[in-house]
Amino acid sequence: MITVSVALGLSAYCALAYGGVLVHQQPSALRTIVKAASVAILAAVSAVFGAPLLLTVALVLGAVGDVFLSRDGERNFLFGLAAFLVGHVAYIGLLSGYGDSWAAFASNPAKLGASLIMFIIAGAVVQRMFPYLGALRIPVLIYVLVIVVMGVCAFNLPAEWPFALAILGAVMFIASDAILGFEVFVFEDAEDPRYVPATLLWFLYWGGQLLILITFLVTA
C-alpha cells in the first residue's frame, strides 16, 4: 500500500519537474499531465487518508484548473479561473469550519491587522491590474473578493500547530494568485521570458496547498 510519504514524494517530484523545467516550455500533453498530477496526487492523498471532503474537492478543482491554465487561449483561462474560483469557495467552507468565533476574531488585533493588510494589498494589486483587465474586470474582481475572504478565514484559524501551517499555506496560495494576475494581464506582452515569476508562482501555489493538506492530515 502506498504511504502518505510516498504519495507526497511523488507529488513533490512532479512539482519539481514542472516548476523547474516544464513551466518554461511551450504547452504540451506532458506539461499538462505533470502539472495536473502534482495537485491531483494531493487530492488523492486527501481522499484516501481521511482529510475533510471540502479539502479534497478544493484540490480536485485545483487540478482541473491546472489542466486549463496549462493550455493557451482565453477560453482555457476562463475555465481555469472558474475552477479555481469554486475551489477557493471550498477552501472558505473548509477553513471557516475550524476557525475561532467571529466575535473572538473581531476582538483580536493581530487577526484584524493581518486582514486589513491583506485588503490593502489586494486593493493595490487590483488597482495596478485594472487598466489591463478589459472585459474580464467583473470576473477578476469577483475572484479577488473570494480569495480575500479565504484569506480572512485562514487568519481566523488558531495561530498554533498545526493550523499555523494552513495559515501560511493560504497566504502562499493567495500570493501565487497575485503573481498570476500580473503575469497574465500586466506583463502579458513582455518580450523577454519571465522565468523567476513563473517558477515562484508555481511553488507558492503547490507548496501552499501542500501545507494546507498536511494541516488537515495531522488533525484527521
C-alpha atoms as a PDB file:
ATOM      1  CA  MET A   1       0.000   0.000   0.000  1.00  0.00           C
ATOM      2  CA  ILE A   2       1.269   3.476  -0.873  1.00  0.00           C
ATOM      3  CA  THR A   3       2.021   5.513   2.238  1.00  0.00           C
ATOM      4  CA  VAL A   4       1.404   9.214   2.715  1.00  0.00           C
ATOM      5  CA  SER A   5       5.120   9.967   2.491  1.00  0.00           C
ATOM      6  CA  VAL A   6       5.499   8.056  -0.798  1.00  0.00           C
ATOM      7  CA  ALA A   7       2.476   9.785  -2.341  1.00  0.00           C
ATOM      8  CA  LEU A   8       3.622  13.219  -1.209  1.00  0.00           C
ATOM      9  CA  GLY A   9       7.080  12.430  -2.525  1.00  0.00           C
ATOM     10  CA  LEU A  10       5.611  11.592  -5.930  1.00  0.00           C
ATOM     11  CA  SER A  11       3.641  14.848  -5.887  1.00  0.00           C
ATOM     12  CA  ALA A  12       6.816  16.731  -4.991  1.00  0.00           C
ATOM     13  CA  TYR A  13       8.696  15.031  -7.837  1.00  0.00           C
ATOM     14  CA  CYS A  14       6.022  16.149 -10.321  1.00  0.00           C
ATOM     15  CA  ALA A  15       6.003  19.653  -8.832  1.00  0.00           C
ATOM     16  CA  LEU A  16       9.775  19.946  -9.139  1.00  0.00           C
ATOM     17  CA  ALA A  17       9.690  18.656 -12.710  1.00  0.00           C
ATOM     18  CA  TYR A  18       7.050  21.175 -13.639  1.00  0.00           C
ATOM     19  CA  GLY A  19       8.360  24.151 -11.705  1.00  0.00           C
ATOM     20  CA  GLY A  20      11.992  23.556 -12.569  1.00  0.00           C
ATOM     21  CA  VAL A  21      11.683  22.645 -16.250  1.00  0.00           C
ATOM     22  CA  LEU A  22       8.259  22.330 -17.846  1.00  0.00           C
ATOM     23  CA  VAL A  23       6.859  25.659 -16.666  1.00  0.00           C
ATOM     24  CA  HIS A  24       9.273  27.367 -19.052  1.00  0.00           C
ATOM     25  CA  GLN A  25       8.311  25.264 -22.059  1.00  0.00           C
ATOM     26  CA  GLN A  26       5.544  25.570 -24.612  1.00  0.00           C
ATOM     27  CA  PRO A  27       2.180  23.884 -23.865  1.00  0.00           C
ATOM     28  CA  SER A  28       2.238  20.123 -24.440  1.00  0.00           C
ATOM     29  CA  ALA A  29       0.497  16.980 -23.225  1.00  0.00           C
ATOM     30  CA  LEU A  30       3.442  16.158 -20.951  1.00  0.00           C
ATOM     31  CA  ARG A  31       3.408  19.642 -19.447  1.00  0.00           C
ATOM     32  CA  THR A  32      -0.320  19.401 -18.733  1.00  0.00           C
ATOM     33  CA  ILE A  33      -0.107  15.920 -17.227  1.00  0.00           C
ATOM     34  CA  VAL A  34       2.802  16.702 -14.910  1.00  0.00           C
ATOM     35  CA  LYS A  35       1.281  19.978 -13.757  1.00  0.00           C
ATOM     36  CA  ALA A  36      -2.130  18.482 -13.029  1.00  0.00           C
ATOM     37  CA  ALA A  37      -0.624  15.374 -11.407  1.00  0.00           C
ATOM     38  CA  SER A  38       1.215  17.485  -8.843  1.00  0.00           C
ATOM     39  CA  VAL A  39      -2.074  18.590  -7.281  1.00  0.00           C
ATOM     40  CA  ALA A  40      -4.189  15.586  -8.293  1.00  0.00           C
ATOM     41  CA  ILE A  41      -1.920  13.394  -6.149  1.00  0.00           C
ATOM     42  CA  LEU A  42      -2.504  15.754  -3.211  1.00  0.00           C
ATOM     43  CA  ALA A  43      -6.239  15.347  -3.823  1.00  0.00           C
ATOM     44  CA  ALA A  44      -5.872  11.563  -3.816  1.00  0.00           C
ATOM     45  CA  VAL A  45      -3.929  11.688  -0.547  1.00  0.00           C
ATOM     46  CA  SER A  46      -6.653  13.885   0.945  1.00  0.00           C
ATOM     47  CA  ALA A  47      -9.377  11.449  -0.127  1.00  0.00           C
ATOM     48  CA  VAL A  48      -7.602   8.237   0.855  1.00  0.00           C
ATOM     49  CA  PHE A  49      -6.132   9.305   4.176  1.00  0.00           C
ATOM     50  CA  GLY A  50      -9.165  10.904   5.781  1.00  0.00           C
ATOM     51  CA  ALA A  51      -8.810  14.640   5.239  1.00  0.00           C
ATOM     52  CA  PRO A  52     -12.052  16.669   5.080  1.00  0.00           C
ATOM     53  CA  LEU A  53     -14.158  16.275   1.936  1.00  0.00           C
ATOM     54  CA  LEU A  54     -14.056  20.010   1.210  1.00  0.00           C
ATOM     55  CA  LEU A  55     -10.258  19.860   1.038  1.00  0.00           C
ATOM     56  CA  THR A  56     -10.431  17.008  -1.447  1.00  0.00           C
ATOM     57  CA  VAL A  57     -12.938  18.962  -3.532  1.00  0.00           C
ATOM     58  CA  ALA A  58     -10.723  22.072  -3.483  1.00  0.00           C
ATOM     59  CA  LEU A  59      -7.668  20.087  -4.560  1.00  0.00           C
ATOM     60  CA  VAL A  60      -9.549  18.305  -7.341  1.00  0.00           C
ATOM     61  CA  LEU A  61     -10.750  21.654  -8.640  1.00  0.00           C
ATOM     62  CA  GLY A  62      -7.183  22.940  -8.453  1.00  0.00           C
ATOM     63  CA  ALA A  63      -6.013  20.051 -10.617  1.00  0.00           C
ATOM     64  CA  VAL A  64      -8.825  20.748 -13.091  1.00  0.00           C
ATOM     65  CA  GLY A  65      -7.856  24.422 -13.162  1.00  0.00           C
ATOM     66  CA  ASP A  66      -4.254  23.431 -13.800  1.00  0.00           C
ATOM     67  CA  VAL A  67      -5.293  21.461 -16.867  1.00  0.00           C
ATOM     68  CA  PHE A  68      -6.949  24.519 -18.373  1.00  0.00           C
ATOM     69  CA  LEU A  69      -4.257  27.014 -17.357  1.00  0.00           C
ATOM     70  CA  SER A  70      -1.541  24.809 -18.824  1.00  0.00           C
ATOM     71  CA  ARG A  71      -3.068  25.452 -22.256  1.00  0.00           C
ATOM     72  CA  ASP A  72      -3.138  28.661 -24.248  1.00  0.00           C
ATOM     73  CA  GLY A  73      -6.234  30.690 -25.064  1.00  0.00           C
ATOM     74  CA  GLU A  74      -8.741  32.942 -23.298  1.00  0.00           C
ATOM     75  CA  ARG A  75     -11.361  30.188 -23.126  1.00  0.00           C
ATOM     76  CA  ASN A  76      -8.968  27.885 -21.266  1.00  0.00           C
ATOM     77  CA  PHE A  77      -8.061  30.751 -18.946  1.00  0.00           C
ATOM     78  CA  LEU A  78     -11.715  31.400 -18.123  1.00  0.00           C
ATOM     79  CA  PHE A  79     -12.426  27.738 -17.439  1.00  0.00           C
ATOM     80  CA  GLY A  80      -9.336  27.582 -15.242  1.00  0.00           C
ATOM     81  CA  LEU A  81     -10.400  30.732 -13.408  1.00  0.00           C
ATOM     82  CA  ALA A  82     -13.849  29.244 -12.792  1.00  0.00           C
ATOM     83  CA  ALA A  83     -12.374  26.011 -11.417  1.00  0.00           C
ATOM     84  CA  PHE A  84     -10.106  27.903  -9.036  1.00  0.00           C
ATOM     85  CA  LEU A  85     -12.937  30.222  -8.006  1.00  0.00           C
ATOM     86  CA  VAL A  86     -15.108  27.291  -6.920  1.00  0.00           C
ATOM     87  CA  GLY A  87     -12.037  25.703  -5.329  1.00  0.00           C
ATOM     88  CA  HIS A  88     -11.498  28.830  -3.245  1.00  0.00           C
ATOM     89  CA  VAL A  89     -15.137  28.685  -2.152  1.00  0.00           C
ATOM     90  CA  ALA A  90     -14.495  25.106  -0.990  1.00  0.00           C
ATOM     91  CA  TYR A  91     -11.448  26.342   0.934  1.00  0.00           C
ATOM     92  CA  ILE A  92     -13.618  29.023   2.548  1.00  0.00           C
ATOM     93  CA  GLY A  93     -16.044  26.363   3.722  1.00  0.00           C
ATOM     94  CA  LEU A  94     -13.180  24.222   4.999  1.00  0.00           C
ATOM     95  CA  LEU A  95     -11.274  26.928   6.860  1.00  0.00           C
ATOM     96  CA  SER A  96     -14.338  28.621   8.353  1.00  0.00           C
ATOM     97  CA  GLY A  97     -15.282  25.338   9.988  1.00  0.00           C
ATOM     98  CA  TYR A  98     -12.065  25.287  12.022  1.00  0.00           C
ATOM     99  CA  GLY A  99     -11.702  28.962  12.876  1.00  0.00           C
ATOM    100  CA  ASP A 100     -12.336  30.800  16.111  1.00  0.00           C
ATOM    101  CA  SER A 101     -15.677  32.503  16.636  1.00  0.00           C
ATOM    102  CA  TRP A 102     -16.087  35.701  14.674  1.00  0.00           C
ATOM    103  CA  ALA A 103     -16.596  37.559  17.956  1.00  0.00           C
ATOM    104  CA  ALA A 104     -13.125  36.382  19.030  1.00  0.00           C
ATOM    105  CA  PHE A 105     -11.784  37.383  15.614  1.00  0.00           C
ATOM    106  CA  ALA A 106     -13.219  40.894  15.965  1.00  0.00           C
ATOM    107  CA  SER A 107     -11.504  41.318  19.344  1.00  0.00           C
ATOM    108  CA  ASN A 108      -8.105  40.058  18.145  1.00  0.00           C
ATOM    109  CA  PRO A 109      -5.896  42.973  16.955  1.00  0.00           C
ATOM    110  CA  ALA A 110      -3.375  40.660  15.257  1.00  0.00           C
ATOM    111  CA  LYS A 111      -6.020  38.922  13.130  1.00  0.00           C
ATOM    112  CA  LEU A 112      -7.764  42.174  12.303  1.00  0.00           C
ATOM    113  CA  GLY A 113      -4.442  43.779  11.398  1.00  0.00           C
ATOM    114  CA  ALA A 114      -3.411  40.888   9.158  1.00  0.00           C
ATOM    115  CA  SER A 115      -6.785  41.009   7.401  1.00  0.00           C
ATOM    116  CA  LEU A 116      -6.535  44.776   6.927  1.00  0.00           C
ATOM    117  CA  ILE A 117      -3.065  44.449   5.422  1.00  0.00           C
ATOM    118  CA  MET A 118      -4.378  41.800   3.043  1.00  0.00           C
ATOM    119  CA  PHE A 119      -7.262  44.055   1.982  1.00  0.00           C
ATOM    120  CA  ILE A 120      -4.845  46.916   1.325  1.00  0.00           C
ATOM    121  CA  ILE A 121      -2.506  44.722  -0.719  1.00  0.00           C
ATOM    122  CA  ALA A 122      -5.433  43.239  -2.662  1.00  0.00           C
ATOM    123  CA  GLY A 123      -6.692  46.743  -3.422  1.00  0.00           C
ATOM    124  CA  ALA A 124      -3.263  47.818  -4.653  1.00  0.00           C
ATOM    125  CA  VAL A 125      -2.983  44.727  -6.855  1.00  0.00           C
ATOM    126  CA  VAL A 126      -6.430  45.310  -8.368  1.00  0.00           C
ATOM    127  CA  GLN A 127      -5.656  48.980  -8.969  1.00  0.00           C
ATOM    128  CA  ARG A 128      -2.454  48.030 -10.803  1.00  0.00           C
ATOM    129  CA  MET A 129      -4.170  45.379 -12.952  1.00  0.00           C
ATOM    130  CA  PHE A 130      -7.452  47.201 -13.569  1.00  0.00           C
ATOM    131  CA  PRO A 131      -6.468  49.058 -16.789  1.00  0.00           C
ATOM    132  CA  TYR A 132      -5.431  45.730 -18.353  1.00  0.00           C
ATOM    133  CA  LEU A 133      -8.492  43.646 -17.466  1.00  0.00           C
ATOM    134  CA  GLY A 134     -10.843  44.755 -20.241  1.00  0.00           C
ATOM    135  CA  ALA A 135     -13.941  42.566 -20.443  1.00  0.00           C
ATOM    136  CA  LEU A 136     -12.648  40.393 -17.603  1.00  0.00           C
ATOM    137  CA  ARG A 137     -12.941  43.115 -14.979  1.00  0.00           C
ATOM    138  CA  ILE A 138     -16.058  41.717 -13.293  1.00  0.00           C
ATOM    139  CA  PRO A 139     -14.881  38.047 -13.189  1.00  0.00           C
ATOM    140  CA  VAL A 140     -11.474  39.080 -11.858  1.00  0.00           C
ATOM    141  CA  LEU A 141     -12.975  41.371  -9.195  1.00  0.00           C
ATOM    142  CA  ILE A 142     -15.254  38.548  -8.046  1.00  0.00           C
ATOM    143  CA  TYR A 143     -12.253  36.215  -7.936  1.00  0.00           C
ATOM    144  CA  VAL A 144     -10.220  38.685  -5.869  1.00  0.00           C
ATOM    145  CA  LEU A 145     -13.101  39.129  -3.411  1.00  0.00           C
ATOM    146  CA  VAL A 146     -13.383  35.367  -2.945  1.00  0.00           C
ATOM    147  CA  ILE A 147      -9.654  34.853  -2.316  1.00  0.00           C
ATOM    148  CA  VAL A 148      -9.644  37.736   0.159  1.00  0.00           C
ATOM    149  CA  VAL A 149     -12.496  36.070   2.058  1.00  0.00           C
ATOM    150  CA  MET A 150     -10.483  32.844   2.004  1.00  0.00           C
ATOM    151  CA  GLY A 151      -7.547  34.739   3.482  1.00  0.00           C
ATOM    152  CA  VAL A 152      -9.698  36.159   6.283  1.00  0.00           C
ATOM    153  CA  CYS A 153     -10.940  32.642   7.078  1.00  0.00           C
ATOM    154  CA  ALA A 154      -7.335  31.455   7.198  1.00  0.00           C
ATOM    155  CA  PHE A 155      -6.313  34.273   9.562  1.00  0.00           C
ATOM    156  CA  ASN A 156      -9.194  33.251  11.822  1.00  0.00           C
ATOM    157  CA  LEU A 157      -7.662  29.806  12.366  1.00  0.00           C
ATOM    158  CA  PRO A 158      -5.885  29.224  15.683  1.00  0.00           C
ATOM    159  CA  ALA A 159      -2.338  30.560  15.313  1.00  0.00           C
ATOM    160  CA  GLU A 160      -0.795  27.365  16.655  1.00  0.00           C
ATOM    161  CA  TRP A 161       0.344  23.958  15.403  1.00  0.00           C
ATOM    162  CA  PRO A 162      -0.829  22.573  13.041  1.00  0.00           C
ATOM    163  CA  PHE A 163      -3.148  25.356  11.885  1.00  0.00           C
ATOM    164  CA  ALA A 164      -0.251  27.781  11.529  1.00  0.00           C
ATOM    165  CA  LEU A 165       0.748  25.669   8.512  1.00  0.00           C
ATOM    166  CA  ALA A 166      -2.661  26.242   6.920  1.00  0.00           C
ATOM    167  CA  ILE A 167      -2.415  29.988   7.547  1.00  0.00           C
ATOM    168  CA  LEU A 168       0.983  30.093   5.843  1.00  0.00           C
ATOM    169  CA  GLY A 169      -0.301  27.854   3.049  1.00  0.00           C
ATOM    170  CA  ALA A 170      -3.280  30.119   2.378  1.00  0.00           C
ATOM    171  CA  VAL A 171      -1.033  33.192   2.262  1.00  0.00           C
ATOM    172  CA  MET A 172       1.254  31.403  -0.211  1.00  0.00           C
ATOM    173  CA  PHE A 173      -1.720  30.411  -2.359  1.00  0.00           C
ATOM    174  CA  ILE A 174      -3.042  33.983  -2.395  1.00  0.00           C
ATOM    175  CA  ALA A 175       0.421  35.323  -3.271  1.00  0.00           C
ATOM    176  CA  SER A 176       0.587  32.919  -6.209  1.00  0.00           C
ATOM    177  CA  ASP A 177      -2.757  34.245  -7.460  1.00  0.00           C
ATOM    178  CA  ALA A 178      -1.442  37.813  -7.270  1.00  0.00           C
ATOM    179  CA  ILE A 179       1.647  36.880  -9.309  1.00  0.00           C
ATOM    180  CA  LEU A 180      -0.542  35.045 -11.824  1.00  0.00           C
ATOM    181  CA  GLY A 181      -2.695  38.133 -12.248  1.00  0.00           C
ATOM    182  CA  PHE A 182       0.329  40.290 -13.022  1.00  0.00           C
ATOM    183  CA  GLU A 183       1.770  37.730 -15.419  1.00  0.00           C
ATOM    184  CA  VAL A 184      -1.484  37.194 -17.318  1.00  0.00           C
ATOM    185  CA  PHE A 185      -2.534  40.831 -17.558  1.00  0.00           C
ATOM    186  CA  VAL A 186       0.170  43.390 -16.742  1.00  0.00           C
ATOM    187  CA  PHE A 187       3.164  41.573 -18.247  1.00  0.00           C
ATOM    188  CA  GLU A 188       1.296  39.646 -20.939  1.00  0.00           C
ATOM    189  CA  ASP A 189       3.233  41.334 -23.746  1.00  0.00           C
ATOM    190  CA  ALA A 190       6.670  41.221 -22.122  1.00  0.00           C
ATOM    191  CA  GLU A 191       9.288  40.448 -24.765  1.00  0.00           C
ATOM    192  CA  ASP A 192      11.696  38.517 -22.553  1.00  0.00           C
ATOM    193  CA  PRO A 193      10.721  35.253 -20.812  1.00  0.00           C
ATOM    194  CA  ARG A 194       9.839  35.850 -17.150  1.00  0.00           C
ATOM    195  CA  TYR A 195      11.356  32.718 -15.639  1.00  0.00           C
ATOM    196  CA  VAL A 196      11.560  33.787 -11.992  1.00  0.00           C
ATOM    197  CA  PRO A 197       7.886  34.843 -11.564  1.00  0.00           C
ATOM    198  CA  ALA A 198       6.675  31.681 -13.310  1.00  0.00           C
ATOM    199  CA  THR A 199       8.758  29.447 -11.044  1.00  0.00           C
ATOM    200  CA  LEU A 200       7.927  31.389  -7.876  1.00  0.00           C
ATOM    201  CA  LEU A 201       4.202  31.376  -8.714  1.00  0.00           C
ATOM    202  CA  TRP A 202       4.180  27.617  -9.147  1.00  0.00           C
ATOM    203  CA  PHE A 203       5.990  26.720  -5.950  1.00  0.00           C
ATOM    204  CA  LEU A 204       3.929  29.164  -3.876  1.00  0.00           C
ATOM    205  CA  TYR A 205       0.775  27.618  -5.331  1.00  0.00           C
ATOM    206  CA  TRP A 206       1.739  23.971  -4.950  1.00  0.00           C
ATOM    207  CA  GLY A 207       3.554  24.466  -1.634  1.00  0.00           C
ATOM    208  CA  GLY A 208       0.662  26.406  -0.152  1.00  0.00           C
ATOM    209  CA  GLN A 209      -1.789  23.623  -0.871  1.00  0.00           C
ATOM    210  CA  LEU A 210       0.677  21.045   0.430  1.00  0.00           C
ATOM    211  CA  LEU A 211       0.835  22.876   3.772  1.00  0.00           C
ATOM    212  CA  ILE A 212      -2.953  23.061   3.964  1.00  0.00           C
ATOM    213  CA  LEU A 213      -3.163  19.335   3.234  1.00  0.00           C
ATOM    214  CA  ILE A 214      -0.567  18.489   5.907  1.00  0.00           C
ATOM    215  CA  THR A 215      -2.542  20.527   8.429  1.00  0.00           C
ATOM    216  CA  PHE A 216      -5.686  18.515   7.928  1.00  0.00           C
ATOM    217  CA  LEU A 217      -3.927  15.178   7.677  1.00  0.00           C
ATOM    218  CA  VAL A 218      -2.454  15.874  11.114  1.00  0.00           C
ATOM    219  CA  THR A 219      -5.859  16.831  12.534  1.00  0.00           C
ATOM    220  CA  ALA A 220      -7.745  13.961  10.850  1.00  0.00           C
END
